[in-house]
């Protein structure tokens, strides 16, 4: 598994038992896709391209950390890790790697809250050889006790060392995630918690693998230069080799409602930066009539790693506070080293979020105010007609890049199946954008988003001091090392005194050592 895929699993936070009153979505759960049970049989998505020199295989299960049993957070990810990195009945994991190397083949996995994907990619002329190995990984995994202990140790290291110590950006984003979904199946990290990883046994992993990585939950995706009849063969092999689904999938409860502004501060002494994320659960998902409008508007608010977004312009470009500032109309995971969203991290329930990449601790108070100022302005004033035309022109070109590879096109087609769409998501998105009016766009934003009822997660070196400053709501001026324009200073004078409306009882401080424990 690549490092990027590992990060998808490790990037989440579980809070301790003590907490604020439950809080959650602005609009409830109306319009969410049904939880449902297992499908009657394995499903197939195929995109043949006979002239393609490669073949991509994706086997996606409607299973994720939301399926972890009570007290065993991380069991789904442990099972997926042991399948992909534990070897087969005939090959140890080192032998498996040696077998894949001369094929120039890739084999990876990722787990999110509602989906798990096993992905293979191979030159078309090595497909037959690779497929035999890929099939063995999925239907005849070794699931050995020694490999279980080895891979559990890896998971613990990713939890304690990589995320808690080495990755404040993911820590801040995932602290928000757990804060939003306390007491909900989405509320613990896919990677697991210290207690969940400690409690797991290899026998429980074996049983859980049979329960969630079963034929009725699987979608087979094939793209590229595979021969005629190959897709049907894969379906037959997996239908026969995977265990049958013995029980329906557990339905999701509604996300807890959010009332007012609430803050979680992850206290991390000695930290040289503060990471900020904010958001709320959202019941607008792909297939909802407001989703295309919201997605286009959010491009203007904060498209991921693009300067078209207001947040990027105001926080980074004009003021130089950090490296980047983005907004998302749905859960976002970056696809490797690209700037594009990963596929097959679809969810039955969604969230809106803003990600403020790390800033100097002394500037965190002001930058939070600036982000909220921009969100309030976005809701109050909307986009102008000129901004809509600029955003539309950018998005119609940029979003076409999302489907420039056969692997990504396949991933989107599988996600379309998850959301029950009757036509390709990106086709529908781009078509709707061509005709939307500024009045329709701004009305959709005001229907779906809020600046009043949201949660904020901050990783900070002095949690107590920051909590008192936020609650006091005193001005938070900043100074600049280099001259800035008068119009920027005029806005700053307003921003530094912007009321945050966060009473001290709505602020929780959690020491970094207390995260990911239970």
Protein backbone atom coordinates (compact mmCIF):
# COMPACT_ATOMS: atom_id res chain seq x y z
CA UNK A 1 0.00 0.00 0.00
CA UNK A 2 1.28 3.47 -0.80
CA UNK A 3 1.81 6.12 1.81
CA UNK A 4 -1.04 8.20 0.45
CA UNK A 5 -3.46 5.33 0.82
CA UNK A 6 -2.30 4.79 4.38
CA UNK A 7 -3.04 8.43 5.16
CA UNK A 8 -6.66 8.00 4.09
CA UNK A 9 -7.05 5.36 6.77
CA UNK A 10 -5.11 7.19 9.46
CA UNK A 11 -6.60 10.61 9.01
CA UNK A 12 -9.30 10.79 11.70
CA UNK A 13 -9.73 11.65 15.36
CA UNK A 14 -11.74 10.21 18.23
CA UNK A 15 -12.55 12.38 21.23
CA UNK A 16 -12.51 11.37 24.86
CA UNK A 17 -15.66 10.49 26.77
CA UNK A 18 -16.21 13.89 28.38
CA UNK A 19 -17.99 16.26 26.04
CA UNK A 20 -20.20 19.21 25.33
CA UNK A 21 -23.92 18.73 24.74
CA UNK A 22 -24.64 16.98 21.47
CA UNK A 23 -24.68 19.20 18.40
CA UNK A 24 -25.02 18.62 14.64
CA UNK A 25 -26.63 19.21 11.28
CA UNK A 26 -28.43 22.31 10.16
CA UNK A 27 -31.00 20.49 8.04
CA UNK A 28 -31.44 17.02 9.55
CA UNK A 29 -31.18 13.98 7.32
CA UNK A 30 -33.91 14.56 4.73
CA UNK A 31 -32.86 13.43 1.28
CA UNK A 32 -30.00 11.22 2.40
CA UNK A 33 -29.56 7.94 0.53
CA UNK A 34 -31.10 5.03 2.43
CA UNK A 35 -28.83 2.84 4.52
CA UNK A 36 -30.23 -0.32 2.95
CA UNK A 37 -28.94 -3.85 3.29
CA UNK A 38 -26.58 -5.83 1.12
CA UNK A 39 -27.29 -5.89 -2.58
CA UNK A 40 -28.71 -9.16 -3.93
CA UNK A 41 -25.44 -9.91 -5.66
CA UNK A 42 -22.09 -8.57 -6.71
CA UNK A 43 -22.36 -5.60 -9.10
CA UNK A 44 -20.24 -4.80 -12.16
CA UNK A 45 -19.05 -1.52 -13.69
CA UNK A 46 -16.94 -1.91 -16.82
CA UNK A 47 -15.34 0.62 -19.16
CA UNK A 48 -13.51 -1.32 -21.87
CA UNK A 49 -10.89 0.48 -23.97
CA UNK A 50 -9.30 -2.16 -26.25
CA UNK A 51 -6.43 0.10 -27.31
CA UNK A 52 -5.42 0.95 -23.73
CA UNK A 53 -2.03 -0.50 -22.67
CA UNK A 54 -3.16 -0.96 -19.06
CA UNK A 55 -6.00 -2.48 -17.07
CA UNK A 56 -7.39 -1.05 -13.85
CA UNK A 57 -9.34 -3.17 -11.37
CA UNK A 58 -11.27 -1.76 -8.44
CA UNK A 59 -13.19 -3.93 -6.02
CA UNK A 60 -15.17 -1.60 -3.80
CA UNK A 61 -17.09 -2.78 -0.76
CA UNK A 62 -19.95 -0.90 0.87
CA UNK A 63 -18.08 -1.26 4.15
CA UNK A 64 -15.99 1.12 6.20
CA UNK A 65 -15.24 2.24 9.71
CA UNK A 66 -18.96 2.91 10.24
CA UNK A 67 -19.25 -0.90 10.28
CA UNK A 68 -16.74 -1.34 13.12
CA UNK A 69 -18.30 -3.22 16.05
CA UNK A 70 -18.75 -1.37 19.33
CA UNK A 71 -15.48 -1.41 21.27
CA UNK A 72 -13.38 -2.42 18.26
CA UNK A 73 -12.76 0.84 16.42
CA UNK A 74 -10.42 0.17 13.52
CA UNK A 75 -11.43 -3.45 12.91
CA UNK A 76 -12.50 -2.83 9.30
CA UNK A 77 -9.21 -1.11 8.48
CA UNK A 78 -7.25 -3.87 10.22
CA UNK A 79 -9.10 -6.47 8.15
CA UNK A 80 -8.43 -4.58 4.90
CA UNK A 81 -4.78 -4.10 5.83
CA UNK A 82 -4.37 -7.78 6.64
CA UNK A 83 -5.99 -8.77 3.34
CA UNK A 84 -3.78 -6.47 1.25
CA UNK A 85 -0.53 -6.65 3.22
CA UNK A 86 -0.67 -10.03 4.93
CA UNK A 87 -0.03 -12.33 2.00
CA UNK A 88 -2.14 -15.12 0.55
CA UNK A 89 -2.57 -18.80 1.38
CA UNK A 90 0.34 -19.60 -0.95
CA UNK A 91 2.48 -16.43 -0.76
CA UNK A 92 3.87 -14.59 2.23
CA UNK A 93 3.74 -10.80 1.94
CA UNK A 94 7.43 -10.50 0.90
CA UNK A 95 6.80 -13.20 -1.70
CA UNK A 96 3.73 -11.33 -2.89
CA UNK A 97 5.75 -8.15 -3.39
CA UNK A 98 8.42 -10.05 -5.29
CA UNK A 99 5.74 -11.57 -7.52
CA UNK A 100 4.24 -8.17 -8.34
CA UNK A 101 7.52 -6.43 -9.12
CA UNK A 102 8.30 -7.95 -12.55
CA UNK A 103 4.70 -7.35 -13.63
CA UNK A 104 5.10 -3.58 -13.06
CA UNK A 105 1.79 -3.88 -11.21
CA UNK A 106 0.21 -1.82 -8.44
CA UNK A 107 -1.93 -3.17 -5.62
CA UNK A 108 -3.35 -0.79 -3.02
CA UNK A 109 -6.22 -0.27 -0.61
CA UNK A 110 -7.99 2.45 1.29
CA UNK A 111 -10.69 2.57 3.95
CA UNK A 112 -13.02 5.46 4.67
CA UNK A 113 -16.19 5.51 6.73
CA UNK A 114 -18.59 3.97 4.21
CA UNK A 115 -16.38 2.39 1.53
CA UNK A 116 -13.29 0.20 1.24
CA UNK A 117 -11.50 -0.21 -2.09
CA UNK A 118 -8.88 -2.70 -3.25
CA UNK A 119 -7.26 -1.39 -6.40
CA UNK A 120 -4.98 -3.02 -8.96
CA UNK A 121 -3.35 -1.66 -12.10
CA UNK A 122 -1.22 -3.66 -14.53
CA UNK A 123 0.05 -3.60 -18.13
CA UNK A 124 -2.52 -5.36 -20.31
CA UNK A 125 -0.03 -8.03 -21.42
CA UNK A 126 0.51 -9.09 -17.78
CA UNK A 127 -3.18 -9.08 -16.85
CA UNK A 128 -3.68 -12.84 -16.61
CA UNK A 129 -0.68 -13.32 -14.33
CA UNK A 130 -1.62 -10.34 -12.17
CA UNK A 131 -5.28 -11.29 -11.93
CA UNK A 132 -4.49 -14.68 -10.43
CA UNK A 133 -2.54 -12.94 -7.67
CA UNK A 134 -5.13 -10.18 -7.19
CA UNK A 135 -7.89 -12.78 -6.88
CA UNK A 136 -5.90 -14.74 -4.30
CA UNK A 137 -5.42 -11.60 -2.23
CA UNK A 138 -9.16 -11.01 -2.06
CA UNK A 139 -10.61 -14.52 -1.77
CA UNK A 140 -7.73 -16.50 -0.25
CA UNK A 141 -5.94 -14.10 2.12
CA UNK A 142 -3.55 -15.62 4.63
CA UNK A 143 -4.94 -13.74 7.68
CA UNK A 144 -2.11 -15.08 9.82
CA UNK A 145 -1.51 -14.29 13.48
CA UNK A 146 2.07 -13.08 12.94
CA UNK A 147 1.02 -10.77 10.12
CA UNK A 148 -1.83 -9.49 12.27
CA UNK A 149 0.58 -8.48 15.05
CA UNK A 150 2.95 -6.86 12.55
CA UNK A 151 0.21 -4.84 10.89
CA UNK A 152 -1.47 -3.86 14.14
CA UNK A 153 1.88 -2.39 15.20
CA UNK A 154 1.98 -0.43 11.94
CA UNK A 155 -1.53 0.90 12.59
CA UNK A 156 -0.56 1.94 16.12
CA UNK A 157 2.48 3.79 14.80
CA UNK A 158 0.39 5.62 12.21
CA UNK A 159 -2.01 6.63 14.96
CA UNK A 160 0.45 7.67 17.66
CA UNK A 161 3.44 8.86 15.63
CA UNK A 162 2.29 9.93 12.20
CA UNK A 163 -1.00 11.66 12.93
CA UNK A 164 -0.66 12.84 16.52
CA UNK A 165 2.96 13.95 16.26
CA UNK A 166 3.81 14.50 12.63
CA UNK A 167 0.76 15.79 10.75
CA UNK A 168 -1.04 18.78 12.24
CA UNK A 169 -2.89 19.41 8.99
CA UNK A 170 -4.66 16.06 9.10
CA UNK A 171 -4.97 16.29 12.86
CA UNK A 172 -6.93 19.54 12.63
CA UNK A 173 -9.19 18.31 9.85
CA UNK A 174 -9.93 15.03 11.56
CA UNK A 175 -10.41 16.59 14.98
CA UNK A 176 -13.25 18.49 13.35
CA UNK A 177 -14.57 15.29 11.86
CA UNK A 178 -14.77 13.50 15.19
CA UNK A 179 -16.19 16.62 16.86
CA UNK A 180 -19.05 16.72 14.35
CA UNK A 181 -19.94 13.04 14.71
CA UNK A 182 -19.63 12.29 18.44
CA UNK A 183 -21.66 9.22 19.35
CA UNK A 184 -22.21 8.42 15.68
CA UNK A 185 -20.67 5.58 13.61
CA UNK A 186 -18.65 8.22 11.71
CA UNK A 187 -17.25 9.55 14.98
CA UNK A 188 -14.14 7.40 15.35
CA UNK A 189 -11.18 7.28 12.98
CA UNK A 190 -11.12 4.63 10.27
CA UNK A 191 -7.66 3.75 11.55
CA UNK A 192 -9.11 3.04 14.98
CA UNK A 193 -8.41 4.09 18.54
CA UNK A 194 -5.83 2.89 21.03
CA UNK A 195 -8.43 0.80 22.85
CA UNK A 196 -9.95 -0.55 19.65
CA UNK A 197 -6.61 -1.67 18.26
CA UNK A 198 -5.61 -3.20 21.59
CA UNK A 199 -8.86 -5.16 21.89
CA UNK A 200 -8.78 -6.66 18.39
CA UNK A 201 -7.72 -10.27 17.86
CA UNK A 202 -6.83 -12.06 14.67
CA UNK A 203 -9.91 -14.24 15.02
CA UNK A 204 -12.13 -11.17 15.26
CA UNK A 205 -10.49 -9.80 12.11
CA UNK A 206 -11.22 -13.05 10.29
CA UNK A 207 -14.86 -12.99 11.37
CA UNK A 208 -15.25 -9.30 10.52
CA UNK A 209 -13.71 -9.81 7.09
CA UNK A 210 -16.37 -12.42 6.33
CA UNK A 211 -19.08 -10.14 7.65
CA UNK A 212 -18.30 -6.92 5.73
CA UNK A 213 -16.09 -7.89 2.75
CA UNK A 214 -18.79 -10.15 1.35
CA UNK A 215 -20.12 -10.60 -2.16
CA UNK A 216 -23.39 -8.72 -1.73
CA UNK A 217 -21.55 -5.56 -0.67
CA UNK A 218 -19.04 -5.63 -3.54
CA UNK A 219 -18.79 -3.68 -6.77
CA UNK A 220 -16.29 -4.85 -9.39
CA UNK A 221 -14.88 -2.09 -11.58
CA UNK A 222 -12.81 -2.75 -14.71
CA UNK A 223 -11.31 -0.24 -17.13
CA UNK A 224 -8.78 -0.39 -19.93
CA UNK A 225 -7.55 -3.07 -22.29
CA UNK A 226 -9.07 -6.23 -20.83
CA UNK A 227 -10.27 -8.99 -23.20
CA UNK A 228 -13.85 -9.88 -24.01
CA UNK A 229 -15.41 -12.08 -21.36
CA UNK A 230 -12.89 -11.09 -18.68
CA UNK A 231 -15.35 -8.94 -16.71
CA UNK A 232 -17.85 -11.79 -16.47
CA UNK A 233 -15.07 -14.10 -15.32
CA UNK A 234 -14.09 -11.72 -12.52
CA UNK A 235 -17.69 -11.45 -11.37
CA UNK A 236 -18.05 -15.24 -11.34
CA UNK A 237 -14.76 -15.74 -9.47
CA UNK A 238 -15.55 -13.17 -6.79
CA UNK A 239 -19.16 -14.27 -6.43
CA UNK A 240 -17.94 -17.81 -5.78
CA UNK A 241 -14.87 -16.90 -3.72
CA UNK A 242 -16.12 -14.15 -1.41
CA UNK A 243 -18.29 -15.09 1.56
CA UNK A 244 -22.02 -14.41 1.23
CA UNK A 245 -23.43 -11.48 3.19
CA UNK A 246 -25.10 -12.90 6.27
CA UNK A 247 -26.68 -9.71 7.64
CA UNK A 248 -27.87 -6.31 6.37
CA UNK A 249 -25.77 -3.21 6.76
CA UNK A 250 -26.38 -1.21 9.90
CA UNK A 251 -28.39 1.96 9.14
CA UNK A 252 -26.98 5.32 10.19
CA UNK A 253 -28.62 7.51 12.81
CA UNK A 254 -28.95 11.22 12.02
CA UNK A 255 -25.86 13.29 12.76
CA UNK A 256 -26.18 15.12 16.09
CA UNK A 257 -27.59 18.65 15.64
CA UNK A 258 -25.30 21.69 15.84
CA UNK A 259 -26.59 24.61 17.89
CA UNK A 260 -24.49 27.76 17.87
CA UNK A 261 -20.75 27.95 17.42
CA UNK A 262 -18.68 25.41 19.33
CA UNK A 263 -14.93 24.94 19.54
CA UNK A 264 -12.64 22.01 20.22
CA UNK A 265 -9.04 22.98 20.96
CA UNK A 266 -6.48 20.18 20.69
CA UNK A 267 -3.84 21.29 23.18
CA UNK A 268 -0.41 20.43 21.79
CA UNK A 269 2.30 22.14 23.88
CA UNK A 270 5.36 23.31 22.01
CA UNK A 271 3.65 23.40 18.64
CA UNK A 272 4.97 26.05 16.28
CA UNK A 273 1.71 26.44 14.32
CA UNK A 274 -2.06 26.27 14.69
CA UNK A 275 -4.31 24.38 12.27
CA UNK A 276 -7.98 25.36 11.95
CA UNK A 277 -10.95 23.50 10.48
CA UNK A 278 -14.64 24.32 10.73
CA UNK A 279 -17.88 22.95 9.36
CA UNK A 280 -21.17 21.16 9.94
CA UNK A 281 -23.02 18.04 8.73
CA UNK A 282 -24.88 18.58 5.48
CA UNK A 283 -27.82 16.70 4.01
CA UNK A 284 -27.12 17.80 0.42
CA UNK A 285 -25.38 14.91 -1.34
CA UNK A 286 -24.75 14.01 -4.97
CA UNK A 287 -28.11 13.60 -6.68
CA UNK A 288 -29.76 16.33 -4.59
CA UNK A 289 -30.96 19.20 -6.84
CA UNK A 290 -29.01 21.77 -4.81
CA UNK A 291 -25.69 19.91 -4.99
CA UNK A 292 -24.51 21.21 -8.41
CA UNK A 293 -25.28 24.79 -7.36
CA UNK A 294 -23.58 24.43 -4.00
CA UNK A 295 -20.54 22.78 -5.59
CA UNK A 296 -20.11 25.66 -8.06
CA UNK A 297 -20.51 28.31 -5.36
CA UNK A 298 -17.94 26.58 -3.17
CA UNK A 299 -15.45 26.75 -6.05
CA UNK A 300 -15.57 30.52 -5.56
CA UNK A 301 -15.38 30.31 -1.79
CA UNK A 302 -12.39 27.97 -1.67
CA UNK A 303 -11.58 25.50 -4.45
CA UNK A 304 -8.92 23.06 -3.22
CA UNK A 305 -5.41 24.38 -3.97
CA UNK A 306 -6.61 26.99 -6.47
CA UNK A 307 -6.39 30.79 -6.31
CA UNK A 308 -9.89 31.21 -7.71
CA UNK A 309 -11.23 30.87 -4.14
CA UNK A 310 -11.89 33.88 -1.93
CA UNK A 311 -10.37 32.19 1.12
CA UNK A 312 -7.13 31.55 -0.76
CA UNK A 313 -7.06 35.11 -2.06
CA UNK A 314 -7.80 36.81 1.24
CA UNK A 315 -5.84 34.67 3.71
CA UNK A 316 -2.84 33.57 1.64
CA UNK A 317 -2.48 35.78 -1.43
CA UNK A 318 -3.23 39.20 0.09
CA UNK A 319 -2.00 38.62 3.64
CA UNK A 320 0.47 35.73 3.46
CA UNK A 321 -0.73 33.98 6.62
CA UNK A 322 -0.27 30.41 5.38
CA UNK A 323 0.03 28.08 2.40
CA UNK A 324 -3.62 27.54 1.56
CA UNK A 325 -7.27 27.89 2.56
CA UNK A 326 -10.09 25.84 1.07
CA UNK A 327 -13.80 24.99 1.30
CA UNK A 328 -15.59 21.74 0.47
CA UNK A 329 -19.21 20.93 -0.38
CA UNK A 330 -18.63 17.28 0.59
CA UNK A 331 -16.04 15.15 2.36
CA UNK A 332 -12.73 15.57 0.53
CA UNK A 333 -9.66 13.34 0.36
CA UNK A 334 -6.89 14.38 -2.00
CA UNK A 335 -5.99 11.75 -4.60
CA UNK A 336 -2.29 11.15 -4.00
CA UNK A 337 -0.06 13.95 -5.26
CA UNK A 338 -2.78 15.46 -7.45
CA UNK A 339 -5.08 18.37 -6.64
CA UNK A 340 -8.15 16.28 -7.35
CA UNK A 341 -10.57 14.45 -5.02
CA UNK A 342 -10.09 10.74 -4.46
CA UNK A 343 -12.79 8.37 -5.67
CA UNK A 344 -14.55 5.71 -3.62
CA UNK A 345 -14.70 7.68 -0.40
CA UNK A 346 -18.45 8.22 -0.89
CA UNK A 347 -20.67 8.63 2.15
CA UNK A 348 -24.28 8.16 3.10
CA UNK A 349 -24.11 11.43 5.07
CA UNK A 350 -22.02 14.44 4.14
CA UNK A 351 -20.43 17.55 5.60
CA UNK A 352 -19.47 21.09 4.61
CA UNK A 353 -16.05 22.20 5.79
CA UNK A 354 -13.41 24.92 5.58
CA UNK A 355 -9.74 24.01 6.00
CA UNK A 356 -7.30 26.69 7.12
CA UNK A 357 -3.79 25.33 6.78
CA UNK A 358 -1.43 26.01 9.72
CA UNK A 359 -0.77 29.60 10.75
CA UNK A 360 1.41 31.17 13.43
CA UNK A 361 -0.27 30.70 16.83
CA UNK A 362 -0.27 34.45 17.43
CA UNK A 363 -2.30 34.93 14.25
CA UNK A 364 -4.79 32.08 14.73
CA UNK A 365 -7.43 34.22 16.47
CA UNK A 366 -7.46 36.80 13.67
CA UNK A 367 -7.36 34.20 10.88
CA UNK A 368 -10.35 32.38 12.38
CA UNK A 369 -12.21 35.69 12.40
CA UNK A 370 -11.20 36.33 8.79
CA UNK A 371 -12.46 32.91 7.67
CA UNK A 372 -15.80 33.48 9.43
CA UNK A 373 -15.99 36.99 7.96
CA UNK A 374 -15.62 35.53 4.47
CA UNK A 375 -18.20 32.82 5.17
CA UNK A 376 -20.67 35.41 6.48
CA UNK A 377 -20.03 37.64 3.46
CA UNK A 378 -20.48 34.66 1.15
CA UNK A 379 -23.89 33.94 2.68
CA UNK A 380 -25.02 37.55 2.97
CA UNK A 381 -23.89 38.98 -0.37
CA UNK A 382 -23.54 35.86 -2.50
CA UNK A 383 -21.71 35.96 -5.81
CA UNK A 384 -22.03 38.82 -8.24
CA UNK A 385 -22.99 38.13 -11.84
CA UNK A 386 -19.39 38.76 -12.88
CA UNK A 387 -18.04 36.38 -10.25
CA UNK A 388 -20.43 33.70 -11.42
CA UNK A 389 -19.24 34.03 -15.01
CA UNK A 390 -15.57 33.88 -13.96
CA UNK A 391 -16.21 30.90 -11.69
CA UNK A 392 -18.26 29.10 -14.32
CA UNK A 393 -15.56 29.53 -16.95
CA UNK A 394 -12.90 28.20 -14.58
CA UNK A 395 -14.95 25.27 -13.28
CA UNK A 396 -16.17 24.04 -16.67
CA UNK A 397 -12.57 23.57 -17.73
CA UNK A 398 -11.00 22.49 -14.45
CA UNK A 399 -13.54 19.83 -13.49
CA UNK A 400 -13.04 18.09 -16.83
CA UNK A 401 -9.55 17.27 -15.53
CA UNK A 402 -11.16 15.15 -12.82
CA UNK A 403 -11.82 12.42 -15.40
CA UNK A 404 -8.68 12.53 -17.50
CA UNK A 405 -7.51 8.99 -16.60
CA UNK A 406 -9.31 5.68 -17.00
CA UNK A 407 -8.72 4.95 -13.32
CA UNK A 408 -10.51 8.13 -12.23
CA UNK A 409 -13.35 7.65 -14.72
CA UNK A 410 -13.88 4.18 -13.32
CA UNK A 411 -13.87 5.49 -9.76
CA UNK A 412 -16.52 8.07 -10.59
CA UNK A 413 -18.72 5.44 -12.27
CA UNK A 414 -18.58 3.29 -9.12
CA UNK A 415 -19.47 6.29 -6.97
CA UNK A 416 -22.43 7.02 -9.28
CA UNK A 417 -23.71 3.55 -8.41
CA UNK A 418 -23.28 4.24 -4.68
CA UNK A 419 -25.36 7.43 -4.91
CA UNK A 420 -27.99 5.86 -7.17
CA UNK A 421 -27.44 8.35 -9.99
CA UNK A 422 -29.08 7.68 -13.33
CA UNK A 423 -26.43 9.57 -15.31
CA UNK A 424 -22.72 10.32 -14.76
CA UNK A 425 -22.18 12.76 -11.90
CA UNK A 426 -19.67 14.97 -13.72
CA UNK A 427 -21.82 15.15 -16.86
CA UNK A 428 -24.77 16.31 -14.79
CA UNK A 429 -22.63 18.79 -12.85
CA UNK A 430 -21.13 20.46 -15.91
CA UNK A 431 -24.45 20.58 -17.75
CA UNK A 432 -26.23 22.24 -14.82
CA UNK A 433 -23.44 24.79 -14.43
CA UNK A 434 -23.89 26.04 -17.97
CA UNK A 435 -27.41 27.27 -17.28
CA UNK A 436 -27.48 28.24 -13.60
CA UNK A 437 -28.28 31.88 -12.83
CA UNK A 438 -26.72 33.97 -10.10
CA UNK A 439 -30.10 34.15 -8.33
CA UNK A 440 -30.43 30.35 -8.29
CA UNK A 441 -26.87 29.94 -7.06
CA UNK A 442 -27.11 32.41 -4.20
CA UNK A 443 -30.49 31.04 -3.12
CA UNK A 444 -29.07 27.51 -2.95
CA UNK A 445 -26.15 28.72 -0.82
CA UNK A 446 -28.50 30.39 1.65
CA UNK A 447 -30.74 27.30 1.79
CA UNK A 448 -27.94 24.88 2.57
CA UNK A 449 -25.14 26.68 4.44
CA UNK A 450 -24.87 28.55 7.71
CA UNK A 451 -22.33 30.66 9.58
CA UNK A 452 -24.21 30.42 12.87
CA UNK A 453 -24.42 26.72 13.71
CA UNK A 454 -21.02 25.14 13.20
CA UNK A 455 -18.11 23.47 14.92
CA UNK A 456 -14.50 24.63 14.92
CA UNK A 457 -11.43 22.49 15.65
CA UNK A 458 -8.07 24.11 16.36
CA UNK A 459 -4.71 22.49 17.05
CA UNK A 460 -2.84 24.98 19.26
CA UNK A 461 0.19 25.10 21.58
CA UNK A 462 -1.60 26.88 24.46
CA UNK A 463 -5.19 25.77 24.53
CA UNK A 464 -6.15 27.57 27.74
CA UNK A 465 -4.94 30.96 26.52
CA UNK A 466 -6.66 30.57 23.17
CA UNK A 467 -9.92 29.49 24.81
CA UNK A 468 -9.95 32.56 27.04
CA UNK A 469 -9.19 34.86 24.10
CA UNK A 470 -11.97 33.39 21.97
CA UNK A 471 -14.51 33.62 24.79
CA UNK A 472 -13.50 37.19 25.73
CA UNK A 473 -14.17 38.27 22.13
CA UNK A 474 -11.75 41.18 22.44
CA UNK A 475 -10.16 42.58 19.26
CA UNK A 476 -7.35 40.48 17.79
CA UNK A 477 -5.22 42.82 15.67
CA UNK A 478 -2.32 41.56 13.57
CA UNK A 479 0.79 43.21 12.21
CA UNK A 480 2.58 42.56 8.93
CA UNK A 481 6.28 42.32 8.25
CA UNK A 482 5.83 44.02 4.88
CA UNK A 483 3.60 46.91 3.79
CA UNK A 484 0.05 46.01 2.75
CA UNK A 485 -2.55 48.01 0.87
CA UNK A 486 -4.79 50.46 2.72
CA UNK A 487 -7.91 48.61 1.57
CA UNK A 488 -6.62 45.45 3.25
CA UNK A 489 -5.99 47.33 6.50
CA UNK A 490 -9.51 48.78 6.31
CA UNK A 491 -10.98 45.27 6.11
CA UNK A 492 -8.67 44.13 8.91
CA UNK A 493 -10.07 46.83 11.18
CA UNK A 494 -13.50 45.27 10.77
CA UNK A 495 -12.31 41.67 10.99
CA UNK A 496 -10.26 42.09 14.17
CA UNK A 497 -13.40 43.10 16.09
CA UNK A 498 -15.82 40.69 14.40
CA UNK A 499 -18.02 39.13 17.12
CA UNK A 500 -17.28 35.42 17.40
CA UNK A 501 -20.26 34.68 19.66
CA UNK A 502 -18.58 31.70 21.34
CA UNK A 503 -19.20 31.54 25.11
CA UNK A 504 -16.61 29.78 27.24
CA UNK A 505 -18.98 26.88 27.94
CA UNK A 506 -19.00 26.14 24.20
CA UNK A 507 -15.22 25.68 24.14
CA UNK A 508 -13.59 22.38 25.03
CA UNK A 509 -9.85 21.78 25.47
CA UNK A 510 -8.57 18.24 24.89
CA UNK A 511 -4.90 17.39 25.53
CA UNK A 512 -3.29 15.67 22.57
CA UNK A 513 -2.56 12.64 24.78
CA UNK A 514 -6.30 12.12 25.35
CA UNK A 515 -7.20 11.80 21.67
CA UNK A 516 -7.63 8.42 20.01
CA UNK A 517 -7.82 6.59 23.34
CA UNK A 518 -11.30 5.01 23.48
